[in-house]
């Protein structure tokens, strides 16, 4: 992994955390706006929510899978894809737009407008955008990050211990009824 400038978003003591680009995504005004809107819309929701605990679970599981498979995707690329993968969910609630499509558009705008010293390469951006769009369905020919994000998203759901599992309209095939990771 290449060295990063730690001047702006380190861990507070001058050391580089290696996650400055993820921090830039998280603090981006459009990300904050969409995330807060989603949080408002899911207030009191008894079924799966799409806030930071879920997003970080997906990131951690995807990164573990990346390490286990030796895929070599940089940690911050995996984490950026994970925290962006459900960012379009508010649009699905508000107007029915599939959240993976709305999410890709929002993620593209965020990634394109990051400060120059926090930008992902064009290849990394495309990898992230493809993973965001493809995280809901497995498809033939899926890219590595897309497959990791799909699997991590499903493994992060703890249907096996959810008190609302019986009321959930997900099919039996969609539900994660065993701890996987």
N, C-alpha and C. Protein backbone atom coordinates (compact mmCIF):
# COMPACT_ATOMS: atom_id res chain seq x y z
N UNK A 1 0.85 -1.17 0.00
CA UNK A 1 0.00 0.00 0.00
C UNK A 1 0.90 1.23 0.00
N UNK A 2 0.52 2.23 -0.75
CA UNK A 2 1.36 3.42 -0.85
C UNK A 2 1.25 4.28 0.41
N UNK A 3 2.28 5.08 0.65
CA UNK A 3 2.29 6.00 1.78
C UNK A 3 1.26 7.10 1.55
N UNK A 4 0.68 7.61 2.59
CA UNK A 4 -0.31 8.67 2.50
C UNK A 4 0.17 9.89 3.28
N UNK A 5 -0.24 11.06 2.82
CA UNK A 5 -0.01 12.29 3.56
C UNK A 5 -0.94 12.27 4.77
N UNK A 6 -0.36 12.47 5.94
CA UNK A 6 -1.15 12.39 7.17
C UNK A 6 -1.50 13.76 7.72
N UNK A 7 -1.34 14.80 6.93
CA UNK A 7 -1.50 16.15 7.42
C UNK A 7 -2.90 16.51 7.90
N UNK A 8 -3.95 15.88 7.40
CA UNK A 8 -5.28 16.36 7.72
C UNK A 8 -6.13 15.40 8.52
N UNK A 9 -6.07 14.14 8.23
CA UNK A 9 -7.05 13.24 8.85
C UNK A 9 -6.37 12.03 9.47
N UNK A 10 -5.37 12.24 10.27
CA UNK A 10 -4.71 11.14 10.97
C UNK A 10 -5.53 10.70 12.16
N UNK A 11 -4.88 10.02 13.09
CA UNK A 11 -5.61 9.52 14.25
C UNK A 11 -5.52 10.44 15.45
N UNK A 12 -5.05 11.68 15.27
CA UNK A 12 -5.04 12.64 16.35
C UNK A 12 -3.70 12.82 17.02
N UNK A 13 -2.79 11.89 16.83
CA UNK A 13 -1.49 12.05 17.47
C UNK A 13 -0.36 12.17 16.45
N UNK A 14 -0.72 12.54 15.21
CA UNK A 14 0.28 12.74 14.18
C UNK A 14 0.62 11.50 13.38
N UNK A 15 0.12 10.34 13.79
CA UNK A 15 0.38 9.12 13.05
C UNK A 15 -0.67 8.95 11.96
N UNK A 16 -0.27 8.31 10.89
CA UNK A 16 -1.17 8.07 9.77
C UNK A 16 -1.97 6.80 10.03
N UNK A 17 -3.29 6.87 9.88
CA UNK A 17 -4.13 5.70 10.10
C UNK A 17 -4.30 4.87 8.84
N UNK A 18 -3.97 5.44 7.68
CA UNK A 18 -4.18 4.73 6.43
C UNK A 18 -5.62 4.78 5.95
N UNK A 19 -6.46 5.48 6.67
CA UNK A 19 -7.89 5.53 6.32
C UNK A 19 -8.35 6.95 6.01
N UNK A 20 -7.44 7.83 5.66
CA UNK A 20 -7.78 9.22 5.41
C UNK A 20 -8.81 9.37 4.30
N UNK A 21 -8.71 8.54 3.28
CA UNK A 21 -9.67 8.65 2.18
C UNK A 21 -11.07 8.21 2.62
N UNK A 22 -11.15 7.23 3.49
CA UNK A 22 -12.45 6.81 4.04
C UNK A 22 -13.01 7.93 4.91
N UNK A 23 -12.16 8.54 5.72
CA UNK A 23 -12.61 9.66 6.55
C UNK A 23 -13.15 10.78 5.67
N UNK A 24 -12.50 11.04 4.54
CA UNK A 24 -12.96 12.09 3.62
C UNK A 24 -14.34 11.75 3.06
N UNK A 25 -14.59 10.48 2.75
CA UNK A 25 -15.91 10.06 2.29
C UNK A 25 -16.93 10.28 3.40
N UNK A 26 -16.62 9.80 4.60
CA UNK A 26 -17.53 9.89 5.73
C UNK A 26 -17.90 11.34 6.06
N UNK A 27 -16.96 12.24 5.93
CA UNK A 27 -17.19 13.65 6.28
C UNK A 27 -17.65 14.50 5.09
N UNK A 28 -17.77 13.90 3.93
CA UNK A 28 -18.22 14.64 2.75
C UNK A 28 -19.65 15.15 2.99
N UNK A 29 -19.94 16.40 2.64
CA UNK A 29 -21.28 16.95 2.90
C UNK A 29 -22.42 16.14 2.28
N UNK A 30 -22.24 15.62 1.07
CA UNK A 30 -23.30 14.83 0.46
C UNK A 30 -23.48 13.50 1.20
N UNK A 31 -22.39 12.88 1.61
CA UNK A 31 -22.51 11.64 2.38
C UNK A 31 -23.28 11.90 3.67
N UNK A 32 -22.89 12.96 4.39
CA UNK A 32 -23.54 13.28 5.67
C UNK A 32 -25.04 13.54 5.45
N UNK A 33 -25.37 14.27 4.40
CA UNK A 33 -26.77 14.58 4.11
C UNK A 33 -27.58 13.31 3.84
N UNK A 34 -27.07 12.45 2.98
CA UNK A 34 -27.78 11.21 2.63
C UNK A 34 -27.85 10.26 3.82
N UNK A 35 -26.75 10.14 4.55
CA UNK A 35 -26.71 9.26 5.72
C UNK A 35 -27.71 9.73 6.77
N UNK A 36 -27.73 11.02 7.05
CA UNK A 36 -28.66 11.55 8.06
C UNK A 36 -30.11 11.37 7.63
N UNK A 37 -30.39 11.54 6.34
CA UNK A 37 -31.75 11.33 5.84
C UNK A 37 -32.16 9.87 6.01
N UNK A 38 -31.26 8.96 5.70
CA UNK A 38 -31.54 7.54 5.89
C UNK A 38 -31.78 7.23 7.36
N UNK A 39 -30.97 7.81 8.22
CA UNK A 39 -31.14 7.60 9.66
C UNK A 39 -32.52 8.07 10.11
N UNK A 40 -32.96 9.22 9.62
CA UNK A 40 -34.30 9.74 9.94
C UNK A 40 -35.39 8.77 9.48
N UNK A 41 -35.25 8.28 8.25
CA UNK A 41 -36.28 7.41 7.68
C UNK A 41 -36.34 6.05 8.37
N UNK A 42 -35.24 5.62 8.96
CA UNK A 42 -35.22 4.31 9.62
C UNK A 42 -35.40 4.41 11.14
N UNK A 43 -35.65 5.59 11.63
CA UNK A 43 -35.89 5.77 13.06
C UNK A 43 -37.03 4.85 13.50
N UNK A 44 -36.78 4.04 14.49
CA UNK A 44 -37.81 3.15 15.02
C UNK A 44 -38.04 1.90 14.19
N UNK A 45 -37.29 1.69 13.15
CA UNK A 45 -37.45 0.50 12.29
C UNK A 45 -37.04 -0.74 13.08
N UNK A 46 -37.90 -1.76 13.08
CA UNK A 46 -37.56 -2.98 13.83
C UNK A 46 -36.80 -4.00 12.99
N UNK A 47 -36.81 -3.81 11.67
CA UNK A 47 -36.07 -4.71 10.80
C UNK A 47 -34.65 -4.18 10.59
N UNK A 48 -33.88 -4.85 9.78
CA UNK A 48 -32.50 -4.45 9.52
C UNK A 48 -32.42 -2.95 9.22
N UNK A 49 -31.41 -2.34 9.80
CA UNK A 49 -31.16 -0.92 9.55
C UNK A 49 -29.87 -0.80 8.76
N UNK A 50 -29.62 0.38 8.26
CA UNK A 50 -28.49 0.60 7.35
C UNK A 50 -27.57 1.70 7.85
N UNK A 51 -27.37 1.73 9.16
CA UNK A 51 -26.52 2.72 9.77
C UNK A 51 -25.11 2.17 9.99
N UNK A 52 -24.29 2.95 10.67
CA UNK A 52 -22.87 2.65 10.79
C UNK A 52 -22.56 1.26 11.36
N UNK A 53 -23.28 0.74 12.34
CA UNK A 53 -22.94 -0.63 12.78
C UNK A 53 -22.98 -1.64 11.63
N UNK A 54 -24.02 -1.56 10.80
CA UNK A 54 -24.11 -2.47 9.64
C UNK A 54 -22.99 -2.19 8.64
N UNK A 55 -22.76 -0.92 8.34
CA UNK A 55 -21.76 -0.56 7.33
C UNK A 55 -20.36 -1.02 7.76
N UNK A 56 -20.04 -0.84 9.03
CA UNK A 56 -18.72 -1.27 9.52
C UNK A 56 -18.63 -2.78 9.64
N UNK A 57 -19.73 -3.45 9.98
CA UNK A 57 -19.72 -4.92 9.95
C UNK A 57 -19.40 -5.42 8.55
N UNK A 58 -20.05 -4.83 7.55
CA UNK A 58 -19.80 -5.21 6.16
C UNK A 58 -18.34 -4.95 5.80
N UNK A 59 -17.82 -3.80 6.20
CA UNK A 59 -16.43 -3.45 5.89
C UNK A 59 -15.47 -4.47 6.51
N UNK A 60 -15.68 -4.78 7.76
CA UNK A 60 -14.77 -5.70 8.45
C UNK A 60 -14.84 -7.10 7.87
N UNK A 61 -16.04 -7.58 7.61
CA UNK A 61 -16.19 -8.91 7.03
C UNK A 61 -15.58 -8.95 5.62
N UNK A 62 -15.85 -7.94 4.82
CA UNK A 62 -15.28 -7.90 3.46
C UNK A 62 -13.76 -7.88 3.52
N UNK A 63 -13.20 -7.13 4.46
CA UNK A 63 -11.74 -7.07 4.56
C UNK A 63 -11.16 -8.40 5.04
N UNK A 64 -11.85 -9.06 5.95
CA UNK A 64 -11.41 -10.40 6.38
C UNK A 64 -11.42 -11.35 5.17
N UNK A 65 -12.49 -11.31 4.40
CA UNK A 65 -12.58 -12.16 3.21
C UNK A 65 -11.47 -11.83 2.22
N UNK A 66 -11.19 -10.53 2.05
CA UNK A 66 -10.10 -10.10 1.17
C UNK A 66 -8.77 -10.70 1.64
N UNK A 67 -8.51 -10.62 2.93
CA UNK A 67 -7.26 -11.17 3.47
C UNK A 67 -7.21 -12.69 3.30
N UNK A 68 -8.32 -13.36 3.62
CA UNK A 68 -8.37 -14.82 3.49
C UNK A 68 -8.14 -15.27 2.06
N UNK A 69 -8.65 -14.51 1.10
CA UNK A 69 -8.53 -14.89 -0.31
C UNK A 69 -7.26 -14.34 -0.95
N UNK A 70 -6.56 -13.50 -0.23
CA UNK A 70 -5.34 -12.91 -0.79
C UNK A 70 -5.63 -12.02 -1.98
N UNK A 71 -6.78 -11.35 -1.97
CA UNK A 71 -7.18 -10.52 -3.11
C UNK A 71 -6.33 -9.26 -3.22
N UNK A 72 -5.82 -8.77 -2.12
CA UNK A 72 -4.93 -7.62 -2.15
C UNK A 72 -5.58 -6.27 -2.39
N UNK A 73 -6.86 -6.16 -2.10
CA UNK A 73 -7.54 -4.87 -2.26
C UNK A 73 -7.17 -4.01 -1.05
N UNK A 74 -6.74 -2.77 -1.27
CA UNK A 74 -6.38 -1.92 -0.14
C UNK A 74 -7.53 -1.77 0.85
N UNK A 75 -7.20 -1.78 2.12
CA UNK A 75 -8.21 -1.71 3.18
C UNK A 75 -9.13 -0.51 3.00
N UNK A 76 -8.57 0.65 2.66
CA UNK A 76 -9.43 1.83 2.55
C UNK A 76 -10.38 1.74 1.36
N UNK A 77 -10.03 1.01 0.33
CA UNK A 77 -10.94 0.80 -0.80
C UNK A 77 -12.10 -0.09 -0.36
N UNK A 78 -11.80 -1.14 0.39
CA UNK A 78 -12.85 -2.03 0.91
C UNK A 78 -13.78 -1.25 1.83
N UNK A 79 -13.22 -0.48 2.74
CA UNK A 79 -14.03 0.27 3.70
C UNK A 79 -14.86 1.36 3.00
N UNK A 80 -14.28 2.04 2.02
CA UNK A 80 -15.04 3.06 1.29
C UNK A 80 -16.25 2.43 0.60
N UNK A 81 -16.04 1.29 -0.06
CA UNK A 81 -17.16 0.61 -0.73
C UNK A 81 -18.23 0.22 0.30
N UNK A 82 -17.79 -0.27 1.45
CA UNK A 82 -18.74 -0.71 2.47
C UNK A 82 -19.55 0.45 3.05
N UNK A 83 -18.90 1.57 3.35
CA UNK A 83 -19.69 2.67 3.94
C UNK A 83 -20.56 3.36 2.89
N UNK A 84 -20.27 3.15 1.62
CA UNK A 84 -21.09 3.74 0.55
C UNK A 84 -22.19 2.80 0.04
N UNK A 85 -22.12 1.51 0.35
CA UNK A 85 -22.98 0.56 -0.36
C UNK A 85 -24.48 0.77 -0.15
N UNK A 86 -24.90 1.32 0.98
CA UNK A 86 -26.32 1.54 1.22
C UNK A 86 -26.69 3.03 1.22
N UNK A 87 -25.83 3.89 0.74
CA UNK A 87 -26.06 5.33 0.83
C UNK A 87 -27.29 5.77 0.01
N UNK A 88 -27.71 5.00 -0.96
CA UNK A 88 -28.90 5.33 -1.74
C UNK A 88 -30.19 4.79 -1.17
N UNK A 89 -30.13 4.16 -0.02
CA UNK A 89 -31.32 3.53 0.57
C UNK A 89 -32.44 4.55 0.84
N UNK A 90 -32.07 5.77 1.23
CA UNK A 90 -33.11 6.78 1.49
C UNK A 90 -33.95 7.02 0.23
N UNK A 91 -33.32 7.01 -0.95
CA UNK A 91 -34.04 7.24 -2.21
C UNK A 91 -35.02 6.10 -2.47
N UNK A 92 -34.65 4.89 -2.11
CA UNK A 92 -35.55 3.75 -2.28
C UNK A 92 -36.79 3.95 -1.41
N UNK A 93 -36.58 4.40 -0.18
CA UNK A 93 -37.73 4.67 0.70
C UNK A 93 -38.59 5.82 0.17
N UNK A 94 -37.95 6.87 -0.33
CA UNK A 94 -38.69 8.06 -0.73
C UNK A 94 -39.37 7.96 -2.08
N UNK A 95 -38.69 7.36 -3.07
CA UNK A 95 -39.30 7.37 -4.42
C UNK A 95 -39.22 6.04 -5.16
N UNK A 96 -38.75 5.00 -4.48
CA UNK A 96 -38.73 3.67 -5.08
C UNK A 96 -37.52 3.36 -5.95
N UNK A 97 -36.59 4.30 -6.08
CA UNK A 97 -35.37 4.04 -6.86
C UNK A 97 -34.58 2.93 -6.18
N UNK A 98 -34.21 1.87 -6.89
CA UNK A 98 -33.40 0.82 -6.27
C UNK A 98 -32.15 1.43 -5.64
N UNK A 99 -31.89 1.09 -4.39
CA UNK A 99 -30.84 1.80 -3.66
C UNK A 99 -29.45 1.55 -4.21
N UNK A 100 -29.25 0.44 -4.90
CA UNK A 100 -27.93 0.20 -5.49
C UNK A 100 -27.67 1.14 -6.67
N UNK A 101 -28.72 1.53 -7.37
CA UNK A 101 -28.57 2.48 -8.49
C UNK A 101 -28.41 3.91 -7.97
N UNK A 102 -29.28 4.30 -7.05
CA UNK A 102 -29.14 5.63 -6.44
C UNK A 102 -27.80 5.73 -5.74
N UNK A 103 -27.40 4.66 -5.07
CA UNK A 103 -26.13 4.65 -4.34
C UNK A 103 -24.93 4.82 -5.25
N UNK A 104 -24.96 4.19 -6.41
CA UNK A 104 -23.84 4.34 -7.34
C UNK A 104 -23.72 5.80 -7.78
N UNK A 105 -24.84 6.44 -8.08
CA UNK A 105 -24.80 7.84 -8.50
C UNK A 105 -24.29 8.75 -7.39
N UNK A 106 -24.78 8.55 -6.18
CA UNK A 106 -24.34 9.36 -5.04
C UNK A 106 -22.86 9.11 -4.77
N UNK A 107 -22.47 7.84 -4.77
CA UNK A 107 -21.06 7.50 -4.52
C UNK A 107 -20.16 8.12 -5.58
N UNK A 108 -20.58 8.10 -6.83
CA UNK A 108 -19.78 8.69 -7.90
C UNK A 108 -19.57 10.18 -7.65
N UNK A 109 -20.62 10.86 -7.27
CA UNK A 109 -20.51 12.30 -7.00
C UNK A 109 -19.56 12.56 -5.83
N UNK A 110 -19.69 11.77 -4.78
CA UNK A 110 -18.81 11.94 -3.62
C UNK A 110 -17.36 11.67 -4.01
N UNK A 111 -17.11 10.54 -4.64
CA UNK A 111 -15.73 10.15 -4.98
C UNK A 111 -15.08 11.14 -5.93
N UNK A 112 -15.85 11.69 -6.86
CA UNK A 112 -15.30 12.65 -7.82
C UNK A 112 -14.97 13.98 -7.18
N UNK A 113 -15.62 14.30 -6.07
CA UNK A 113 -15.43 15.64 -5.49
C UNK A 113 -14.60 15.63 -4.21
N UNK A 114 -13.95 14.52 -3.91
CA UNK A 114 -13.04 14.49 -2.75
C UNK A 114 -11.86 15.42 -3.01
N UNK A 115 -11.27 15.95 -1.95
CA UNK A 115 -10.06 16.76 -2.14
C UNK A 115 -9.00 15.96 -2.90
N UNK A 116 -8.21 16.65 -3.68
CA UNK A 116 -7.22 15.98 -4.53
C UNK A 116 -6.32 15.02 -3.75
N UNK A 117 -5.94 15.38 -2.54
CA UNK A 117 -5.04 14.53 -1.75
C UNK A 117 -5.76 13.37 -1.07
N UNK A 118 -7.08 13.26 -1.29
CA UNK A 118 -7.87 12.16 -0.69
C UNK A 118 -8.61 11.35 -1.76
N UNK A 119 -8.32 11.59 -3.02
CA UNK A 119 -9.03 10.91 -4.10
C UNK A 119 -8.53 9.49 -4.30
N UNK A 120 -9.45 8.65 -4.70
CA UNK A 120 -9.13 7.30 -5.12
C UNK A 120 -8.74 7.38 -6.60
N UNK A 121 -7.92 6.45 -7.05
CA UNK A 121 -7.54 6.42 -8.46
C UNK A 121 -8.77 6.11 -9.30
N UNK A 122 -8.73 6.39 -10.60
CA UNK A 122 -9.88 6.04 -11.45
C UNK A 122 -10.23 4.55 -11.37
N UNK A 123 -9.23 3.69 -11.29
CA UNK A 123 -9.48 2.24 -11.19
C UNK A 123 -10.15 1.90 -9.86
N UNK A 124 -9.68 2.51 -8.79
CA UNK A 124 -10.29 2.26 -7.48
C UNK A 124 -11.72 2.79 -7.44
N UNK A 125 -11.95 3.97 -7.99
CA UNK A 125 -13.31 4.52 -8.03
C UNK A 125 -14.25 3.59 -8.77
N UNK A 126 -13.81 3.10 -9.92
CA UNK A 126 -14.68 2.20 -10.68
C UNK A 126 -14.93 0.90 -9.92
N UNK A 127 -13.93 0.41 -9.23
CA UNK A 127 -14.09 -0.81 -8.43
C UNK A 127 -15.13 -0.57 -7.33
N UNK A 128 -15.04 0.57 -6.66
CA UNK A 128 -15.99 0.91 -5.59
C UNK A 128 -17.40 1.06 -6.16
N UNK A 129 -17.54 1.78 -7.26
CA UNK A 129 -18.86 2.02 -7.85
C UNK A 129 -19.49 0.72 -8.34
N UNK A 130 -18.70 -0.15 -8.93
CA UNK A 130 -19.21 -1.44 -9.38
C UNK A 130 -19.67 -2.28 -8.19
N UNK A 131 -18.91 -2.24 -7.10
CA UNK A 131 -19.29 -2.99 -5.90
C UNK A 131 -20.57 -2.44 -5.28
N UNK A 132 -20.70 -1.11 -5.23
CA UNK A 132 -21.93 -0.50 -4.69
C UNK A 132 -23.13 -0.94 -5.52
N UNK A 133 -23.01 -0.87 -6.83
CA UNK A 133 -24.13 -1.24 -7.69
C UNK A 133 -24.42 -2.73 -7.64
N UNK A 134 -23.39 -3.55 -7.45
CA UNK A 134 -23.58 -5.00 -7.51
C UNK A 134 -23.75 -5.70 -6.18
N UNK A 135 -23.88 -4.96 -5.09
CA UNK A 135 -23.87 -5.61 -3.78
C UNK A 135 -25.15 -6.38 -3.45
N UNK A 136 -26.20 -6.21 -4.20
CA UNK A 136 -27.47 -6.89 -3.87
C UNK A 136 -27.66 -8.23 -4.54
N UNK A 137 -27.00 -8.44 -5.67
CA UNK A 137 -27.20 -9.68 -6.42
C UNK A 137 -25.86 -10.19 -6.92
N UNK A 138 -25.68 -11.50 -6.81
CA UNK A 138 -24.49 -12.09 -7.40
C UNK A 138 -24.71 -12.21 -8.89
N UNK A 139 -23.69 -11.85 -9.65
CA UNK A 139 -23.81 -11.96 -11.10
C UNK A 139 -22.58 -12.65 -11.65
N UNK A 140 -22.76 -13.33 -12.77
CA UNK A 140 -21.61 -13.94 -13.43
C UNK A 140 -20.65 -12.84 -13.84
N UNK A 141 -19.38 -13.09 -13.66
CA UNK A 141 -18.36 -12.12 -14.05
C UNK A 141 -18.17 -10.98 -13.09
N UNK A 142 -18.71 -11.09 -11.88
CA UNK A 142 -18.57 -10.02 -10.90
C UNK A 142 -17.11 -9.78 -10.56
N UNK A 143 -16.76 -8.52 -10.31
CA UNK A 143 -15.41 -8.18 -9.88
C UNK A 143 -15.18 -8.66 -8.45
N UNK A 144 -13.93 -8.74 -8.06
CA UNK A 144 -13.57 -9.27 -6.73
C UNK A 144 -14.23 -8.47 -5.62
N UNK A 145 -14.09 -7.14 -5.62
CA UNK A 145 -14.68 -6.34 -4.54
C UNK A 145 -16.20 -6.45 -4.53
N UNK A 146 -16.79 -6.54 -5.69
CA UNK A 146 -18.24 -6.72 -5.80
C UNK A 146 -18.67 -8.02 -5.12
N UNK A 147 -17.95 -9.10 -5.36
CA UNK A 147 -18.26 -10.39 -4.73
C UNK A 147 -18.05 -10.33 -3.22
N UNK A 148 -16.95 -9.70 -2.79
CA UNK A 148 -16.67 -9.59 -1.36
C UNK A 148 -17.76 -8.79 -0.66
N UNK A 149 -18.17 -7.67 -1.25
CA UNK A 149 -19.19 -6.83 -0.64
C UNK A 149 -20.53 -7.55 -0.58
N UNK A 150 -20.88 -8.26 -1.65
CA UNK A 150 -22.13 -9.03 -1.66
C UNK A 150 -22.13 -10.04 -0.51
N UNK A 151 -21.07 -10.80 -0.42
CA UNK A 151 -21.00 -11.84 0.62
C UNK A 151 -20.98 -11.23 2.02
N UNK A 152 -20.22 -10.16 2.21
CA UNK A 152 -20.13 -9.52 3.52
C UNK A 152 -21.47 -8.91 3.93
N UNK A 153 -22.17 -8.32 2.98
CA UNK A 153 -23.48 -7.72 3.27
C UNK A 153 -24.44 -8.79 3.78
N UNK A 154 -24.44 -9.93 3.13
CA UNK A 154 -25.33 -11.01 3.57
C UNK A 154 -24.89 -11.59 4.91
N UNK A 155 -23.58 -11.80 5.07
CA UNK A 155 -23.07 -12.40 6.32
C UNK A 155 -23.26 -11.48 7.52
N UNK A 156 -23.35 -10.18 7.26
CA UNK A 156 -23.49 -9.23 8.37
C UNK A 156 -24.88 -9.25 8.99
N UNK A 157 -25.84 -9.77 8.28
CA UNK A 157 -27.21 -9.81 8.78
C UNK A 157 -27.39 -10.99 9.72
N UNK A 158 -27.86 -10.70 10.92
CA UNK A 158 -28.00 -11.74 11.93
C UNK A 158 -29.46 -12.15 12.10
N UNK A 159 -30.04 -12.62 11.01
CA UNK A 159 -31.44 -13.04 11.04
C UNK A 159 -31.66 -14.14 12.09
N UNK A 160 -30.64 -14.95 12.31
CA UNK A 160 -30.74 -16.06 13.25
C UNK A 160 -30.99 -15.59 14.68
N UNK A 161 -30.73 -14.33 14.99
CA UNK A 161 -30.97 -13.83 16.35
C UNK A 161 -31.85 -12.58 16.36
N UNK A 162 -32.51 -12.30 15.26
CA UNK A 162 -33.33 -11.09 15.16
C UNK A 162 -34.72 -11.34 15.76
N UNK A 163 -35.16 -10.49 16.68
CA UNK A 163 -36.49 -10.67 17.26
C UNK A 163 -37.63 -10.45 16.26
N UNK A 164 -37.35 -9.79 15.14
CA UNK A 164 -38.39 -9.54 14.14
C UNK A 164 -38.30 -10.51 12.97
N UNK A 165 -37.48 -11.54 13.06
CA UNK A 165 -37.25 -12.47 11.94
C UNK A 165 -38.54 -13.08 11.41
N UNK A 166 -39.46 -13.45 12.28
CA UNK A 166 -40.71 -14.08 11.83
C UNK A 166 -41.59 -13.11 11.05
N UNK A 167 -41.47 -11.82 11.30
CA UNK A 167 -42.27 -10.81 10.61
C UNK A 167 -41.61 -10.30 9.33
N UNK A 168 -40.36 -10.64 9.13
CA UNK A 168 -39.59 -10.14 7.99
C UNK A 168 -40.10 -10.77 6.70
N UNK A 169 -40.17 -9.97 5.64
CA UNK A 169 -40.68 -10.50 4.38
C UNK A 169 -39.58 -11.03 3.46
N UNK A 170 -38.34 -11.10 3.96
CA UNK A 170 -37.29 -11.73 3.17
C UNK A 170 -37.60 -13.21 3.02
N UNK A 171 -37.23 -13.78 1.90
CA UNK A 171 -37.43 -15.22 1.69
C UNK A 171 -36.44 -15.99 2.57
N UNK A 172 -36.70 -17.26 2.76
CA UNK A 172 -35.81 -18.10 3.55
C UNK A 172 -34.40 -18.12 2.95
N UNK A 173 -34.30 -18.05 1.63
CA UNK A 173 -33.00 -18.06 0.96
C UNK A 173 -32.21 -16.79 1.23
N UNK A 174 -32.89 -15.68 1.44
CA UNK A 174 -32.22 -14.40 1.68
C UNK A 174 -31.74 -14.26 3.12
N UNK A 175 -32.39 -14.94 4.02
CA UNK A 175 -32.07 -14.78 5.44
C UNK A 175 -30.79 -15.53 5.80
N UNK A 176 -30.02 -14.91 6.65
CA UNK A 176 -28.80 -15.50 7.18
C UNK A 176 -29.16 -16.17 8.50
N UNK A 177 -29.37 -17.47 8.47
CA UNK A 177 -29.83 -18.19 9.64
C UNK A 177 -28.72 -18.90 10.41
N UNK A 178 -27.49 -18.70 10.04
CA UNK A 178 -26.34 -19.26 10.75
C UNK A 178 -25.22 -18.23 10.78
N UNK A 179 -24.52 -18.14 11.90
CA UNK A 179 -23.35 -17.24 11.89
C UNK A 179 -22.31 -17.76 10.91
N UNK A 180 -21.87 -16.90 10.01
CA UNK A 180 -20.92 -17.33 8.98
C UNK A 180 -19.49 -16.94 9.31
N UNK A 181 -19.30 -15.75 9.86
CA UNK A 181 -17.93 -15.28 10.08
C UNK A 181 -17.80 -14.82 11.51
